[in-house]
Amino acid sequence: MKVMDALSDIRYGRQGLTDIPVPQLGSAQDYIDEKIPHWVYFCCEPTGPWLTRFQDTPLPKIRMAGFLFYRLGAGEFLHWAYNYWFNMDIMTLADVFNDTTAGGGVPAGDPFEVYPGENGPIDSIRWEVFGDAMQDYAILQTAGVKPDDLQLTGLKSYAVFPKNAQWIENTLTRILKTPQASAREK
C-alpha cells in the first residue's frame, strides 16, 4: 500500500517521508526541479496568478489545469472539498448559496465545487470546466503529445501560463489535427 500526504516543504520530499508527496501548487516547482514524483493540490492558496478554482477565477484559467498537470508532471491532483458545505471549525451546515466561504474561513468557492440539492449534488460551472480540463489531459495523453512538446512551452509554471480561451482552442485544434492523433482515431 502506498502512503501519500500533503508535504509542501521540499525537505520532506528529499527525505522520502511518504511514498507520494503532495505539495501545494506554490511549492510544486521545488519537486519538479528535483525530479521528485509528486501529486499537487490547492487549498485556500496560492492566489494571484496561480492556478486555482476559487469562485472569482476566470473559467479559462481553471480550464488550464489539465494542460498544466500534464506539462509539469503532476502524477495526480488532490483537492479537499468537493462538497464541504459546513462553516469552518464548528461543523454546522452553511448556507452555501449565500456564503461560499465556509463561514468566512476560506476564499469563496474553495470549500466546494457542487452545491447541496434535495436529490444529490447540484452541478456548478466550475466543476464542469474542471472536468473539461481533465478531458484536455486525456487528449494530450491519447494524442501522444510529450510533456516537453513545443506546443506546450508557454506553460512555464503553475503561475506562468496562458490564461485565455483562445490559447486552449488553438492548441487543441493543432493537437487534434496532427497525423499522430488522426492515426489513432482510425
Foldseek 3Di string as FASTA:
>chain_A
DFFEDADLDVVCLVVCVGVAYEYEQVRVVSCLVVVRAHAYEHAQDDDDLFQDLAPPAPLLSVLCVLLLCQLSVHPYYDAAAQPQQAQPPPRDGHPCVVAQASVVPGGRVRRHQFPDDPVGTHHDPSVVSNVNSNVVNVLCVLLVPHSPHPLSVQNDGSRGHDRDPVSVVVSSVVSCPDPSNVVSVD
